[in-house]
Amino acid sequence: MKITVIGVGKVKERFFEEAIKEYQKRLGRYCRLEIIQVGDEKTPDGAGLALEDQIRDREGQRILSHIKDGAYVIALAIEGRMLDSEELAKKIENLGVKGTSHVIFVIGGSLGLSGQVMDRADYHLSFSKMTFPHQLMRVILLEQIYRACRILNHEPYHK
């Protein structure tokens, strides 16, 4: 299975880059992993709702340009469904059983995801009601994908 992670904004801190590289290496034995960074838009202080919508839309267009037809898209969103690690593993397994060969996880920028991206998504996944920096969320997501792969292969993992 191919798994793509699309994230808005660049990873700037070295320690996040190192963690991402480590999980890329670990996941290499379970799936074909692709990580795509799309440019973020600067949000001026005091930006109104209309400007925030425009920013989300511009970032959303960049995201959508990387989504291939036939891919199963999982958007990370606070209002999405929360799963535990075993449930995420089962979700990934069920997608494979149903013939899905490409799963795309999408992480929005500081303003979240555009309506177009949310509409394109096949599933909305929430990790928490809290907001996380996009750089940290990439590490958390990759760790959970790795954990799901370990679960599906009946390998030990920390509970």
N, C-alpha and C. Protein backbone atom coordinates (compact mmCIF):
# COMPACT_ATOMS: atom_id res chain seq x y z
N MET A 1 0.84 -1.18 0.00
CA MET A 1 0.00 0.00 0.00
C MET A 1 0.89 1.24 0.00
N LYS A 2 0.43 2.26 -0.72
CA LYS A 2 1.13 3.53 -0.71
C LYS A 2 0.40 4.46 0.25
N ILE A 3 1.17 5.12 1.09
CA ILE A 3 0.63 6.10 2.02
C ILE A 3 1.32 7.43 1.75
N THR A 4 0.51 8.45 1.54
CA THR A 4 1.03 9.79 1.32
C THR A 4 0.55 10.67 2.46
N VAL A 5 1.45 11.50 2.96
CA VAL A 5 1.10 12.52 3.95
C VAL A 5 1.32 13.87 3.28
N ILE A 6 0.25 14.64 3.17
CA ILE A 6 0.35 15.99 2.62
C ILE A 6 0.18 16.96 3.77
N GLY A 7 1.16 17.83 3.95
CA GLY A 7 1.10 18.81 5.04
C GLY A 7 1.35 20.20 4.52
N VAL A 8 0.64 21.16 5.10
CA VAL A 8 0.81 22.56 4.74
C VAL A 8 1.96 23.14 5.56
N GLY A 9 2.88 23.79 4.89
CA GLY A 9 4.00 24.44 5.56
C GLY A 9 5.22 23.55 5.62
N LYS A 10 6.36 24.20 5.79
CA LYS A 10 7.63 23.48 5.86
C LYS A 10 7.94 23.09 7.29
N VAL A 11 8.66 21.99 7.42
CA VAL A 11 9.18 21.59 8.73
C VAL A 11 10.49 22.34 8.90
N LYS A 12 10.55 23.15 9.95
CA LYS A 12 11.70 24.03 10.13
C LYS A 12 12.67 23.54 11.20
N GLU A 13 12.15 22.96 12.25
CA GLU A 13 13.02 22.53 13.35
C GLU A 13 13.69 21.21 13.01
N ARG A 14 14.98 21.14 13.28
CA ARG A 14 15.77 19.96 12.96
C ARG A 14 15.27 18.71 13.69
N PHE A 15 14.86 18.88 14.95
CA PHE A 15 14.43 17.71 15.71
C PHE A 15 13.15 17.11 15.13
N PHE A 16 12.26 17.93 14.56
CA PHE A 16 11.08 17.39 13.88
C PHE A 16 11.51 16.67 12.60
N GLU A 17 12.42 17.26 11.85
CA GLU A 17 12.92 16.63 10.62
C GLU A 17 13.54 15.27 10.93
N GLU A 18 14.31 15.20 11.99
CA GLU A 18 14.96 13.93 12.36
C GLU A 18 13.92 12.88 12.75
N ALA A 19 12.90 13.28 13.49
CA ALA A 19 11.86 12.34 13.88
C ALA A 19 11.09 11.84 12.64
N ILE A 20 10.80 12.74 11.73
CA ILE A 20 10.10 12.35 10.49
C ILE A 20 10.95 11.37 9.69
N LYS A 21 12.24 11.66 9.57
CA LYS A 21 13.14 10.76 8.84
C LYS A 21 13.20 9.38 9.49
N GLU A 22 13.20 9.36 10.81
CA GLU A 22 13.23 8.08 11.53
C GLU A 22 11.99 7.25 11.23
N TYR A 23 10.82 7.88 11.26
CA TYR A 23 9.60 7.13 10.96
C TYR A 23 9.50 6.76 9.48
N GLN A 24 10.04 7.60 8.59
CA GLN A 24 10.11 7.23 7.18
C GLN A 24 10.91 5.94 7.01
N LYS A 25 12.04 5.88 7.71
CA LYS A 25 12.90 4.70 7.64
C LYS A 25 12.16 3.47 8.18
N ARG A 26 11.55 3.62 9.34
CA ARG A 26 10.83 2.49 9.95
C ARG A 26 9.66 2.02 9.09
N LEU A 27 8.95 2.96 8.49
CA LEU A 27 7.78 2.60 7.69
C LEU A 27 8.15 1.97 6.35
N GLY A 28 9.40 2.14 5.93
CA GLY A 28 9.85 1.60 4.65
C GLY A 28 9.64 0.11 4.50
N ARG A 29 9.61 -0.63 5.59
CA ARG A 29 9.41 -2.08 5.47
C ARG A 29 7.93 -2.48 5.42
N TYR A 30 7.04 -1.51 5.63
CA TYR A 30 5.61 -1.82 5.66
C TYR A 30 4.81 -1.23 4.50
N CYS A 31 5.26 -0.10 3.99
CA CYS A 31 4.49 0.57 2.94
C CYS A 31 5.41 1.48 2.13
N ARG A 32 4.87 1.98 1.02
CA ARG A 32 5.58 3.02 0.26
C ARG A 32 5.07 4.35 0.80
N LEU A 33 5.95 5.10 1.43
CA LEU A 33 5.57 6.36 2.07
C LEU A 33 6.07 7.53 1.26
N GLU A 34 5.19 8.49 1.07
CA GLU A 34 5.54 9.74 0.39
C GLU A 34 5.09 10.88 1.30
N ILE A 35 5.95 11.86 1.47
CA ILE A 35 5.59 13.05 2.26
C ILE A 35 5.70 14.25 1.35
N ILE A 36 4.60 15.01 1.28
CA ILE A 36 4.53 16.18 0.43
C ILE A 36 4.27 17.40 1.30
N GLN A 37 5.10 18.41 1.13
CA GLN A 37 4.89 19.69 1.81
C GLN A 37 4.38 20.70 0.79
N VAL A 38 3.27 21.35 1.10
CA VAL A 38 2.78 22.41 0.22
C VAL A 38 2.95 23.74 0.95
N GLY A 39 3.13 24.79 0.20
CA GLY A 39 3.38 26.11 0.77
C GLY A 39 2.20 26.61 1.60
N ASP A 40 2.54 27.29 2.68
CA ASP A 40 1.51 27.90 3.50
C ASP A 40 1.42 29.39 3.17
N GLU A 41 0.33 29.98 3.57
CA GLU A 41 0.09 31.40 3.37
C GLU A 41 0.28 32.12 4.70
N LYS A 42 0.86 33.27 4.67
CA LYS A 42 0.99 34.08 5.88
C LYS A 42 -0.38 34.66 6.22
N THR A 43 -0.74 34.55 7.49
CA THR A 43 -2.00 35.11 7.95
C THR A 43 -1.69 36.35 8.78
N PRO A 44 -2.07 37.52 8.28
CA PRO A 44 -1.78 38.74 9.04
C PRO A 44 -2.59 38.78 10.34
N ASP A 45 -2.02 39.42 11.34
CA ASP A 45 -2.75 39.60 12.60
C ASP A 45 -4.04 40.35 12.32
N GLY A 46 -5.10 39.91 12.96
CA GLY A 46 -6.39 40.57 12.79
C GLY A 46 -7.07 40.30 11.46
N ALA A 47 -6.65 39.24 10.78
CA ALA A 47 -7.27 38.89 9.50
C ALA A 47 -8.74 38.58 9.71
N GLY A 48 -9.58 39.06 8.83
CA GLY A 48 -11.01 38.79 8.93
C GLY A 48 -11.36 37.42 8.38
N LEU A 49 -12.61 37.04 8.56
CA LEU A 49 -13.07 35.72 8.10
C LEU A 49 -12.91 35.55 6.59
N ALA A 50 -13.17 36.60 5.83
CA ALA A 50 -13.06 36.50 4.37
C ALA A 50 -11.62 36.22 3.96
N LEU A 51 -10.67 36.91 4.58
CA LEU A 51 -9.25 36.67 4.25
C LEU A 51 -8.83 35.27 4.69
N GLU A 52 -9.28 34.84 5.85
CA GLU A 52 -8.96 33.48 6.32
C GLU A 52 -9.51 32.44 5.35
N ASP A 53 -10.72 32.66 4.83
CA ASP A 53 -11.29 31.73 3.83
C ASP A 53 -10.43 31.70 2.58
N GLN A 54 -9.97 32.87 2.13
CA GLN A 54 -9.11 32.93 0.94
C GLN A 54 -7.82 32.17 1.16
N ILE A 55 -7.24 32.33 2.34
CA ILE A 55 -5.99 31.64 2.66
C ILE A 55 -6.21 30.14 2.66
N ARG A 56 -7.26 29.67 3.32
CA ARG A 56 -7.58 28.23 3.35
C ARG A 56 -7.79 27.72 1.92
N ASP A 57 -8.49 28.51 1.10
CA ASP A 57 -8.76 28.08 -0.28
C ASP A 57 -7.47 27.96 -1.09
N ARG A 58 -6.55 28.92 -0.93
CA ARG A 58 -5.28 28.84 -1.67
C ARG A 58 -4.47 27.62 -1.22
N GLU A 59 -4.39 27.40 0.09
CA GLU A 59 -3.68 26.22 0.58
C GLU A 59 -4.40 24.95 0.13
N GLY A 60 -5.72 24.99 0.13
CA GLY A 60 -6.51 23.83 -0.30
C GLY A 60 -6.27 23.47 -1.75
N GLN A 61 -6.14 24.47 -2.61
CA GLN A 61 -5.86 24.20 -4.02
C GLN A 61 -4.50 23.50 -4.18
N ARG A 62 -3.53 23.92 -3.38
CA ARG A 62 -2.22 23.27 -3.43
C ARG A 62 -2.33 21.81 -2.99
N ILE A 63 -3.10 21.58 -1.94
CA ILE A 63 -3.30 20.21 -1.46
C ILE A 63 -3.98 19.37 -2.53
N LEU A 64 -5.09 19.87 -3.06
CA LEU A 64 -5.88 19.12 -4.04
C LEU A 64 -5.08 18.78 -5.29
N SER A 65 -4.11 19.62 -5.65
CA SER A 65 -3.30 19.35 -6.84
C SER A 65 -2.46 18.08 -6.68
N HIS A 66 -2.28 17.60 -5.45
CA HIS A 66 -1.49 16.38 -5.20
C HIS A 66 -2.35 15.15 -4.93
N ILE A 67 -3.66 15.31 -4.95
CA ILE A 67 -4.55 14.18 -4.67
C ILE A 67 -4.96 13.53 -5.98
N LYS A 68 -4.62 12.27 -6.11
CA LYS A 68 -4.91 11.51 -7.32
C LYS A 68 -6.30 10.89 -7.24
N ASP A 69 -6.93 10.75 -8.39
CA ASP A 69 -8.21 10.05 -8.44
C ASP A 69 -8.01 8.63 -7.94
N GLY A 70 -8.97 8.13 -7.22
CA GLY A 70 -8.90 6.76 -6.72
C GLY A 70 -8.24 6.62 -5.37
N ALA A 71 -7.57 7.67 -4.90
CA ALA A 71 -6.94 7.61 -3.59
C ALA A 71 -8.01 7.81 -2.52
N TYR A 72 -7.80 7.17 -1.39
CA TYR A 72 -8.68 7.35 -0.23
C TYR A 72 -8.06 8.44 0.62
N VAL A 73 -8.81 9.51 0.86
CA VAL A 73 -8.29 10.69 1.53
C VAL A 73 -8.82 10.77 2.95
N ILE A 74 -7.89 10.89 3.89
CA ILE A 74 -8.23 11.06 5.31
C ILE A 74 -7.75 12.44 5.72
N ALA A 75 -8.70 13.33 6.04
CA ALA A 75 -8.38 14.68 6.48
C ALA A 75 -8.29 14.71 7.99
N LEU A 76 -7.21 15.27 8.50
CA LEU A 76 -7.10 15.45 9.95
C LEU A 76 -7.83 16.73 10.33
N ALA A 77 -8.81 16.57 11.20
CA ALA A 77 -9.66 17.70 11.57
C ALA A 77 -10.16 17.50 13.00
N ILE A 78 -10.17 18.58 13.76
CA ILE A 78 -10.61 18.51 15.15
C ILE A 78 -12.00 17.90 15.26
N GLU A 79 -12.88 18.24 14.30
CA GLU A 79 -14.26 17.75 14.36
C GLU A 79 -14.42 16.34 13.78
N GLY A 80 -13.33 15.70 13.41
CA GLY A 80 -13.39 14.35 12.86
C GLY A 80 -13.65 13.30 13.93
N ARG A 81 -13.61 12.06 13.52
CA ARG A 81 -13.84 10.93 14.43
C ARG A 81 -12.53 10.54 15.11
N MET A 82 -12.58 10.33 16.40
CA MET A 82 -11.40 9.89 17.15
C MET A 82 -11.36 8.37 17.16
N LEU A 83 -10.18 7.83 16.87
CA LEU A 83 -9.95 6.38 16.88
C LEU A 83 -8.79 6.09 17.82
N ASP A 84 -8.82 4.91 18.42
CA ASP A 84 -7.62 4.50 19.14
C ASP A 84 -6.68 3.82 18.14
N SER A 85 -5.51 3.43 18.58
CA SER A 85 -4.50 2.89 17.66
C SER A 85 -4.97 1.62 16.97
N GLU A 86 -5.65 0.75 17.71
CA GLU A 86 -6.15 -0.49 17.12
C GLU A 86 -7.22 -0.21 16.06
N GLU A 87 -8.07 0.79 16.33
CA GLU A 87 -9.11 1.14 15.36
C GLU A 87 -8.50 1.74 14.09
N LEU A 88 -7.46 2.55 14.24
CA LEU A 88 -6.79 3.09 13.06
C LEU A 88 -6.16 1.96 12.25
N ALA A 89 -5.53 1.02 12.93
CA ALA A 89 -4.93 -0.14 12.25
C ALA A 89 -6.01 -0.89 11.48
N LYS A 90 -7.15 -1.12 12.11
CA LYS A 90 -8.25 -1.85 11.47
C LYS A 90 -8.77 -1.07 10.26
N LYS A 91 -8.86 0.25 10.38
CA LYS A 91 -9.32 1.08 9.27
C LYS A 91 -8.39 0.93 8.07
N ILE A 92 -7.08 1.00 8.32
CA ILE A 92 -6.11 0.83 7.24
C ILE A 92 -6.20 -0.58 6.65
N GLU A 93 -6.32 -1.57 7.51
CA GLU A 93 -6.45 -2.95 7.02
C GLU A 93 -7.69 -3.11 6.15
N ASN A 94 -8.83 -2.58 6.60
CA ASN A 94 -10.07 -2.70 5.84
C ASN A 94 -9.98 -2.01 4.49
N LEU A 95 -9.29 -0.89 4.44
CA LEU A 95 -9.10 -0.22 3.15
C LEU A 95 -8.33 -1.12 2.19
N GLY A 96 -7.27 -1.76 2.68
CA GLY A 96 -6.50 -2.67 1.85
C GLY A 96 -7.31 -3.85 1.37
N VAL A 97 -8.12 -4.40 2.27
CA VAL A 97 -8.96 -5.56 1.92
C VAL A 97 -9.96 -5.18 0.83
N LYS A 98 -10.45 -3.94 0.88
CA LYS A 98 -11.42 -3.47 -0.11
C LYS A 98 -10.75 -3.05 -1.42
N GLY A 99 -9.44 -3.17 -1.49
CA GLY A 99 -8.74 -2.88 -2.74
C GLY A 99 -8.14 -1.49 -2.85
N THR A 100 -8.16 -0.74 -1.77
CA THR A 100 -7.55 0.59 -1.80
C THR A 100 -6.03 0.43 -1.78
N SER A 101 -5.38 1.02 -2.77
CA SER A 101 -3.92 0.87 -2.84
C SER A 101 -3.19 2.16 -2.45
N HIS A 102 -3.95 3.25 -2.29
CA HIS A 102 -3.32 4.54 -1.97
C HIS A 102 -4.17 5.28 -0.95
N VAL A 103 -3.58 5.56 0.20
CA VAL A 103 -4.25 6.33 1.26
C VAL A 103 -3.47 7.62 1.44
N ILE A 104 -4.19 8.74 1.45
CA ILE A 104 -3.59 10.05 1.62
C ILE A 104 -4.11 10.66 2.91
N PHE A 105 -3.19 11.05 3.79
CA PHE A 105 -3.52 11.78 5.01
C PHE A 105 -3.21 13.24 4.75
N VAL A 106 -4.12 14.14 5.14
CA VAL A 106 -3.94 15.57 4.89
C VAL A 106 -3.94 16.33 6.20
N ILE A 107 -2.88 17.13 6.40
CA ILE A 107 -2.74 17.98 7.58
C ILE A 107 -2.79 19.43 7.11
N GLY A 108 -3.74 20.19 7.64
CA GLY A 108 -3.91 21.57 7.24
C GLY A 108 -2.92 22.50 7.89
N GLY A 109 -3.01 23.76 7.51
CA GLY A 109 -2.17 24.80 8.09
C GLY A 109 -2.80 25.36 9.35
N SER A 110 -2.35 26.52 9.75
CA SER A 110 -2.79 27.11 11.01
C SER A 110 -4.27 27.44 11.04
N LEU A 111 -4.88 27.61 9.89
CA LEU A 111 -6.32 27.91 9.84
C LEU A 111 -7.17 26.69 9.56
N GLY A 112 -6.54 25.54 9.42
CA GLY A 112 -7.29 24.32 9.12
C GLY A 112 -7.38 24.08 7.62
N LEU A 113 -8.31 23.22 7.24
CA LEU A 113 -8.47 22.82 5.84
C LEU A 113 -9.64 23.52 5.19
N SER A 114 -9.53 23.74 3.89
CA SER A 114 -10.60 24.39 3.14
C SER A 114 -11.80 23.45 3.03
N GLY A 115 -12.93 24.04 2.75
CA GLY A 115 -14.15 23.25 2.53
C GLY A 115 -13.99 22.28 1.39
N GLN A 116 -13.26 22.67 0.34
CA GLN A 116 -13.06 21.79 -0.81
C GLN A 116 -12.27 20.55 -0.42
N VAL A 117 -11.25 20.72 0.41
CA VAL A 117 -10.46 19.57 0.86
C VAL A 117 -11.31 18.68 1.76
N MET A 118 -12.07 19.31 2.65
CA MET A 118 -12.92 18.52 3.55
C MET A 118 -13.98 17.76 2.76
N ASP A 119 -14.51 18.38 1.71
CA ASP A 119 -15.51 17.70 0.86
C ASP A 119 -14.88 16.55 0.09
N ARG A 120 -13.63 16.71 -0.35
CA ARG A 120 -12.95 15.65 -1.10
C ARG A 120 -12.57 14.48 -0.21
N ALA A 121 -12.36 14.74 1.06
CA ALA A 121 -11.93 13.70 1.99
C ALA A 121 -13.00 12.62 2.12
N ASP A 122 -12.53 11.39 2.17
CA ASP A 122 -13.42 10.25 2.38
C ASP A 122 -13.69 10.01 3.86
N TYR A 123 -12.80 10.56 4.70
CA TYR A 123 -12.91 10.33 6.14
C TYR A 123 -12.27 11.50 6.86
N HIS A 124 -12.88 11.89 7.97
CA HIS A 124 -12.32 12.96 8.81
C HIS A 124 -11.86 12.33 10.11
N LEU A 125 -10.58 12.48 10.40
CA LEU A 125 -9.95 11.85 11.57
C LEU A 125 -9.49 12.93 12.54
N SER A 126 -9.81 12.75 13.81
CA SER A 126 -9.36 13.68 14.85
C SER A 126 -8.41 12.95 15.79
N PHE A 127 -7.32 13.59 16.12
CA PHE A 127 -6.40 13.05 17.11
C PHE A 127 -6.71 13.59 18.50
N SER A 128 -7.42 14.70 18.55
CA SER A 128 -7.72 15.35 19.83
C SER A 128 -8.59 16.57 19.55
N LYS A 129 -9.22 17.07 20.58
CA LYS A 129 -9.93 18.34 20.46
C LYS A 129 -8.95 19.51 20.57
N MET A 130 -7.71 19.21 20.91
CA MET A 130 -6.69 20.24 21.00
C MET A 130 -6.09 20.51 19.62
N THR A 131 -5.47 21.67 19.49
CA THR A 131 -4.79 22.05 18.27
C THR A 131 -3.29 21.79 18.45
N PHE A 132 -2.67 21.18 17.43
CA PHE A 132 -1.23 20.91 17.47
C PHE A 132 -0.54 21.66 16.33
N PRO A 133 0.71 22.05 16.52
CA PRO A 133 1.47 22.63 15.41
C PRO A 133 1.60 21.59 14.29
N HIS A 134 1.50 22.04 13.03
CA HIS A 134 1.52 21.10 11.91
C HIS A 134 2.79 20.26 11.89
N GLN A 135 3.91 20.82 12.33
CA GLN A 135 5.16 20.06 12.32
C GLN A 135 5.09 18.89 13.30
N LEU A 136 4.59 19.15 14.49
CA LEU A 136 4.43 18.10 15.49
C LEU A 136 3.39 17.08 15.05
N MET A 137 2.32 17.55 14.40
CA MET A 137 1.27 16.64 13.96
C MET A 137 1.80 15.63 12.95
N ARG A 138 2.73 16.04 12.12
CA ARG A 138 3.32 15.11 11.16
C ARG A 138 4.03 13.97 11.88
N VAL A 139 4.76 14.30 12.93
CA VAL A 139 5.46 13.28 13.69
C VAL A 139 4.45 12.35 14.38
N ILE A 140 3.44 12.93 15.00
CA ILE A 140 2.42 12.12 15.69
C ILE A 140 1.71 11.21 14.69
N LEU A 141 1.34 11.74 13.54
CA LEU A 141 0.66 10.93 12.52
C LEU A 141 1.55 9.79 12.04
N LEU A 142 2.80 10.08 11.73
CA LEU A 142 3.71 9.03 11.26
C LEU A 142 3.91 7.96 12.32
N GLU A 143 3.99 8.37 13.59
CA GLU A 143 4.14 7.39 14.66
C GLU A 143 2.90 6.49 14.72
N GLN A 144 1.73 7.05 14.55
CA GLN A 144 0.51 6.25 14.61
C GLN A 144 0.37 5.34 13.39
N ILE A 145 0.80 5.78 12.24
CA ILE A 145 0.80 4.90 11.07
C ILE A 145 1.77 3.75 11.30
N TYR A 146 2.94 4.06 11.84
CA TYR A 146 3.92 3.02 12.16
C TYR A 146 3.34 2.04 13.18
N ARG A 147 2.71 2.56 14.20
CA ARG A 147 2.09 1.71 15.23
C ARG A 147 1.01 0.82 14.60
N ALA A 148 0.21 1.38 13.70
CA ALA A 148 -0.82 0.60 13.02
C ALA A 148 -0.20 -0.54 12.23
N CYS A 149 0.90 -0.26 11.54
CA CYS A 149 1.58 -1.31 10.78
C CYS A 149 2.10 -2.40 11.70
N ARG A 150 2.64 -2.03 12.83
CA ARG A 150 3.13 -3.04 13.80
C ARG A 150 1.96 -3.88 14.31
N ILE A 151 0.84 -3.25 14.61
CA ILE A 151 -0.34 -3.98 15.08
C ILE A 151 -0.80 -4.96 14.01
N LEU A 152 -0.89 -4.51 12.78
CA LEU A 152 -1.38 -5.37 11.69
C LEU A 152 -0.45 -6.54 11.40
N ASN A 153 0.82 -6.38 11.73
CA ASN A 153 1.79 -7.45 11.52
C ASN A 153 2.04 -8.27 12.79
N HIS A 154 1.18 -8.07 13.77
CA HIS A 154 1.26 -8.81 15.04
C HIS A 154 2.63 -8.68 15.70
N GLU A 155 3.18 -7.47 15.61
CA GLU A 155 4.47 -7.19 16.22
C GLU A 155 4.25 -6.38 17.49
N PRO A 156 5.18 -6.49 18.43
CA PRO A 156 4.99 -5.75 19.69
C PRO A 156 5.03 -4.24 19.49
N TYR A 157 4.26 -3.56 20.31
CA TYR A 157 4.26 -2.10 20.31
C TYR A 157 3.89 -1.68 21.73
N HIS A 158 4.24 -0.46 22.06
CA HIS A 158 3.96 0.03 23.41
C HIS A 158 2.52 0.48 23.51
N LYS A 159 1.88 0.09 24.59
CA LYS A 159 0.48 0.50 24.82
C LYS A 159 0.44 1.69 25.73
